[in-house]
Protein backbone atom coordinates (compact mmCIF):
# COMPACT_ATOMS: atom_id res chain seq x y z
CA UNK A 1 -12.16 9.45 5.61
CA UNK A 2 -12.31 8.75 1.91
CA UNK A 3 -11.47 5.31 0.52
CA UNK A 4 -8.57 7.01 -1.29
CA UNK A 5 -6.17 9.09 0.74
CA UNK A 6 -3.11 10.87 -0.46
CA UNK A 7 -1.25 9.62 2.41
CA UNK A 8 1.75 10.54 4.13
CA UNK A 9 4.11 10.79 1.44
CA UNK A 10 3.54 12.36 -1.01
CA UNK A 11 4.69 11.55 2.12
CA UNK A 12 8.17 11.68 3.06
CA UNK A 13 8.40 15.16 1.69
CA UNK A 14 5.57 16.28 3.91
CA UNK A 15 6.95 15.00 7.15
CA UNK A 16 3.90 13.01 8.18
CA UNK A 17 6.11 10.88 10.34
CA UNK A 18 9.59 9.47 10.52
CA UNK A 19 10.44 6.62 8.24
CA UNK A 20 10.73 3.28 9.94
CA UNK A 21 14.21 1.71 9.75
CA UNK A 22 14.60 -0.38 6.63
CA UNK A 23 15.32 -4.05 7.18
CA UNK A 24 15.80 -4.73 3.48
CA UNK A 25 18.67 -3.47 1.36
CA UNK A 26 19.05 0.28 1.23
CA UNK A 27 17.16 2.04 -1.60
CA UNK A 28 19.12 2.26 -4.84
CA UNK A 29 18.55 6.02 -4.93
CA UNK A 30 17.88 8.61 -2.26
CA UNK A 31 14.80 10.77 -2.03
CA UNK A 32 15.52 14.47 -2.32
CA UNK A 33 15.06 16.47 0.85
CA UNK A 34 13.88 20.06 0.94
CA UNK A 35 14.93 22.59 3.54
CA UNK A 36 12.20 23.00 6.16
CA UNK A 37 11.85 26.74 6.54
CA UNK A 38 9.61 28.21 9.27
CA UNK A 39 6.95 28.88 6.62
CA UNK A 40 7.01 25.27 5.41
CA UNK A 41 6.84 24.01 8.99
CA UNK A 42 3.82 26.24 9.63
CA UNK A 43 2.16 24.89 6.48
CA UNK A 44 2.81 21.34 7.62
CA UNK A 45 1.20 22.04 10.99
CA UNK A 46 -1.84 23.60 9.31
CA UNK A 47 -2.15 20.62 6.99
CA UNK A 48 -1.82 18.07 9.78
CA UNK A 49 -4.53 19.95 11.69
CA UNK A 50 -6.88 19.66 8.70
CA UNK A 51 -6.72 23.42 8.02
CA UNK A 52 -6.06 22.94 4.32
CA UNK A 53 -6.86 26.45 3.10
CA UNK A 54 -4.40 27.92 5.59
CA UNK A 55 -1.84 25.40 4.32
CA UNK A 56 -2.56 26.63 0.78
CA UNK A 57 -1.98 30.23 1.83
CA UNK A 58 1.30 29.46 3.57
CA UNK A 59 2.60 27.25 0.76
CA UNK A 60 1.72 29.90 -1.81
CA UNK A 61 3.73 32.48 0.13
CA UNK A 62 6.72 30.14 0.41
CA UNK A 63 6.57 29.30 -3.29
CA UNK A 64 6.45 32.98 -4.29
CA UNK A 65 9.44 33.72 -2.03
CA UNK A 66 11.48 30.89 -3.54
CA UNK A 67 10.59 31.88 -7.11
CA UNK A 68 11.68 35.47 -6.38
CA UNK A 69 15.23 34.40 -5.50
CA UNK A 70 17.99 35.07 -8.06
CA UNK A 71 18.75 31.34 -8.17
CA UNK A 72 15.78 29.31 -6.91
CA UNK A 73 16.46 25.78 -5.71
CA UNK A 74 14.78 23.19 -7.93
CA UNK A 75 14.49 20.91 -4.88
CA UNK A 76 12.60 23.60 -2.98
CA UNK A 77 10.44 24.45 -5.98
CA UNK A 78 9.43 20.85 -6.63
CA UNK A 79 8.77 20.32 -2.94
CA UNK A 80 6.64 23.45 -2.64
CA UNK A 81 4.63 22.66 -5.78
CA UNK A 82 4.04 19.20 -4.33
CA UNK A 83 3.01 20.55 -0.93
CA UNK A 84 0.76 23.17 -2.46
CA UNK A 85 -0.81 20.53 -4.67
CA UNK A 86 -1.50 18.35 -1.65
CA UNK A 87 -3.16 21.17 0.27
CA UNK A 88 -5.25 22.15 -2.76
CA UNK A 89 -6.20 18.52 -3.33
CA UNK A 90 -7.41 18.10 0.24
CA UNK A 91 -9.26 21.42 -0.03
CA UNK A 92 -11.15 20.02 -3.03
CA UNK A 93 -9.52 22.39 -5.56
CA UNK A 94 -8.58 19.63 -7.97
CA UNK A 95 -7.66 21.54 -11.11
CA UNK A 96 -5.30 23.80 -9.18
CA UNK A 97 -3.85 20.77 -7.40
CA UNK A 98 -3.23 19.04 -10.72
CA UNK A 99 -1.50 22.16 -12.04
CA UNK A 100 1.02 22.20 -9.19
CA UNK A 101 1.54 18.44 -9.14
CA UNK A 102 2.39 18.55 -12.85
CA UNK A 103 4.86 21.38 -12.27
CA UNK A 104 6.56 19.28 -9.59
CA UNK A 105 6.66 16.32 -11.99
CA UNK A 106 8.18 18.39 -14.79
CA UNK A 107 10.96 19.62 -12.51
CA UNK A 108 11.69 16.14 -11.18
CA UNK A 109 11.75 14.48 -14.60
CA UNK A 110 14.25 17.08 -15.81
CA UNK A 111 16.49 16.96 -12.75
CA UNK A 112 16.22 13.32 -11.64
CA UNK A 113 15.20 11.25 -14.65
CA UNK A 114 12.15 9.03 -15.20
CA UNK A 115 12.83 6.33 -12.59
CA UNK A 116 13.54 8.31 -9.43
CA UNK A 117 11.24 7.73 -6.41
CA UNK A 118 10.40 11.45 -6.30
CA UNK A 119 8.98 11.07 -9.81
CA UNK A 120 6.88 8.18 -8.52
CA UNK A 121 5.54 10.44 -5.76
CA UNK A 122 4.45 12.95 -8.40
CA UNK A 123 2.74 10.24 -10.47
CA UNK A 124 1.01 9.04 -7.31
CA UNK A 125 -0.29 12.50 -6.47
CA UNK A 126 -1.51 13.17 -10.00
CA UNK A 127 -3.32 9.83 -9.87
CA UNK A 128 -5.00 10.85 -6.63
CA UNK A 129 -6.48 13.95 -8.25
CA UNK A 130 -7.76 11.95 -11.22
CA UNK A 131 -9.38 9.51 -8.79
CA UNK A 132 -11.05 12.39 -6.94
CA UNK A 133 -12.37 13.67 -10.28
CA UNK A 134 -13.80 10.27 -11.19
CA UNK A 135 -11.22 9.67 -13.93
CA UNK A 136 -10.44 6.16 -12.79
CA UNK A 137 -8.52 4.85 -15.78
CA UNK A 138 -6.19 7.86 -15.67
CA UNK A 139 -5.81 7.35 -11.93
CA UNK A 140 -4.85 3.68 -12.34
CA UNK A 141 -2.40 4.60 -15.11
CA UNK A 142 -0.55 7.04 -12.86
CA UNK A 143 -0.69 4.81 -9.78
CA UNK A 144 0.76 1.93 -11.79
CA UNK A 145 3.60 4.15 -13.04
CA UNK A 146 4.35 5.07 -9.45
CA UNK A 147 4.23 1.45 -8.29
CA UNK A 148 6.56 0.23 -11.06
CA UNK A 149 9.19 2.82 -10.12
CA UNK A 150 8.92 2.21 -6.39
CA UNK A 151 9.16 -1.57 -6.69
CA UNK A 152 12.29 -1.21 -8.80
CA UNK A 153 14.00 1.49 -6.75
CA UNK A 154 12.88 0.88 -3.16
CA UNK A 155 11.93 -2.79 -3.05
CA UNK A 156 8.66 -4.64 -2.41
CA UNK A 157 8.33 -3.90 1.31
CA UNK A 158 8.94 -0.15 1.38
CA UNK A 159 6.14 2.00 2.92
CA UNK A 160 5.80 3.94 -0.34
CA UNK A 161 4.94 0.67 -2.10
CA UNK A 162 2.22 0.22 0.51
CA UNK A 163 0.91 3.66 -0.43
CA UNK A 164 0.71 2.65 -4.09
CA UNK A 165 -1.18 -0.53 -3.25
CA UNK A 166 -3.51 1.51 -1.05
CA UNK A 167 -4.32 3.94 -3.82
CA UNK A 168 -4.79 1.29 -6.48
CA UNK A 169 -7.19 -0.44 -4.12
CA UNK A 170 -9.02 2.83 -3.63
CA UNK A 171 -9.66 3.21 -7.35
CA UNK A 172 -11.02 -0.33 -7.52
CA UNK A 173 -13.37 0.64 -4.69
CA UNK A 174 -14.61 3.59 -6.72
CA UNK A 175 -15.19 1.22 -9.64
CA UNK A 176 -17.21 -1.12 -7.43
CA UNK A 177 -14.55 -3.85 -7.54
CA UNK A 178 -14.53 -4.52 -3.81
CA UNK A 179 -12.65 -7.82 -3.81
CA UNK A 180 -9.76 -6.11 -5.64
CA UNK A 181 -9.99 -3.28 -3.10
CA UNK A 182 -9.46 -5.74 -0.28
CA UNK A 183 -6.68 -7.55 -2.16
CA UNK A 184 -4.60 -4.39 -2.63
CA UNK A 185 -5.31 -3.05 0.84
CA UNK A 186 -4.23 -6.35 2.38
CA UNK A 187 -0.91 -5.98 0.56
CA UNK A 188 -0.62 -2.42 1.83
CA UNK A 189 -1.55 -3.40 5.37
CA UNK A 190 1.03 -6.22 5.52
CA UNK A 191 3.83 -3.82 4.58
CA UNK A 192 2.69 -1.12 6.98
CA UNK A 193 2.41 -3.51 9.91
CA UNK A 194 5.92 -4.77 9.26
CA UNK A 195 7.59 -1.43 8.55
CA UNK A 196 5.64 1.15 10.53
CA UNK A 197 4.26 -0.75 13.49
CA UNK A 198 0.67 -1.34 14.64
CA UNK A 199 -0.12 2.22 15.81
CA UNK A 200 1.04 4.33 12.87
CA UNK A 201 -1.67 6.56 11.31
CA UNK A 202 -1.09 4.91 7.92
CA UNK A 203 -2.48 1.71 9.45
CA UNK A 204 -5.70 3.62 10.09
CA UNK A 205 -5.82 4.45 6.38
CA UNK A 206 -5.65 0.76 5.49
CA UNK A 207 -8.24 -0.17 8.11
CA UNK A 208 -10.60 2.57 6.94
CA UNK A 209 -10.33 1.52 3.32
CA UNK A 210 -11.01 -2.08 4.18
CA UNK A 211 -13.98 -1.05 6.31
CA UNK A 212 -15.47 0.84 3.36
CA UNK A 213 -15.05 -2.22 1.15
CA UNK A 214 -16.71 -4.52 3.67
CA UNK A 215 -19.54 -2.04 4.11
CA UNK A 216 -20.05 -2.03 0.33
CA UNK A 217 -20.12 -5.83 0.41
CA UNK A 218 -22.81 -5.62 3.15
CA UNK A 219 -20.51 -7.28 5.69
CA UNK A 220 -21.20 -4.78 8.45
CA UNK A 221 -19.59 -6.84 11.19
CA UNK A 222 -16.26 -6.76 9.37
CA UNK A 223 -16.70 -3.08 8.55
CA UNK A 224 -17.26 -2.30 12.22
CA UNK A 225 -14.19 -4.31 13.21
CA UNK A 226 -11.90 -2.36 10.87
CA UNK A 227 -13.40 1.03 11.68
CA UNK A 228 -12.86 0.34 15.37
CA UNK A 229 -9.21 -0.45 14.66
CA UNK A 230 -8.87 2.76 12.64
CA UNK A 231 -10.56 4.89 15.29
CA UNK A 232 -8.37 3.52 18.05
CA UNK A 233 -5.29 4.72 16.17
CA UNK A 234 -6.68 8.05 14.96
CA UNK A 235 -8.10 9.13 18.31
CA UNK A 236 -4.72 8.43 19.91
CA UNK A 237 -2.31 9.66 17.23
CA UNK A 238 -4.23 12.60 15.78
CA UNK A 239 -6.98 14.21 17.85
CA UNK A 240 -10.75 13.79 18.32
CA UNK A 241 -11.69 16.77 16.10
CA UNK A 242 -9.32 15.96 13.24
CA UNK A 243 -11.33 15.41 10.01
CA UNK A 244 -10.14 11.80 9.63
CA UNK A 245 -10.99 10.95 13.24
CA UNK A 246 -14.42 12.57 12.95
CA UNK A 247 -15.20 10.77 9.68
CA UNK A 248 -14.29 7.41 11.17
CA UNK A 249 -16.35 8.07 14.30
CA UNK A 250 -19.31 9.06 12.13
CA UNK A 251 -19.12 5.75 10.26
CA UNK A 252 -19.08 3.81 13.54
CA UNK A 253 -22.01 5.81 14.89
CA UNK A 254 -23.97 5.18 11.67
CA UNK A 255 -23.58 1.43 12.14
CA UNK A 256 -25.25 1.71 15.55
CA UNK A 257 -28.37 3.37 14.15
């Protein structure tokens, strides 16, 4: 598992899990919700199984079908561009991913305005691609835009805020700033524990990222502790041959050598 993960949310729109009940005030604005057609559901299943190129194929077909309609739904179009971008991103096709993420952003800015949480999701996803390409300043710029919107609209303990902290921490990891990595991932972890519970897959993301930071700091005992926590969740909630589970197991095995 990479130190930076796109995470469930680009998240909400991808159905990576039900949102935990909010204990704070309700969000000031609602996230848009696309219609889950059979094709979209099939793409989600392919993506969750780590079959990213199949997810790309299915999303491309759904997008073409929506665009061919006499009056396409902008909600569906933005959702499909976002989903397709996510699948392309995870398949390592970064330029194509960026193209579709930007199309989703353009639609959302026009329809929802600059401070809607869906716009933040687009900024987050664009930042993830820049991070994957090694463009760390651009990544931080987009992640910070996402965080500013989410803090204002959803509040400081929303799971999407945890995602932003996670991704900002991931960029600091790439820059070799491991103490900042741990700082942001601790913020992310605290929110996720409170809002999602101790066995949610997003917790594994936080634990993995912290393990990578401790490994980089040569604190292998701490790295092992956090990878064990991550593996316990992933092996239970995903499956043993899922890419994230396999990557985490490989890191644990490497520490034993």
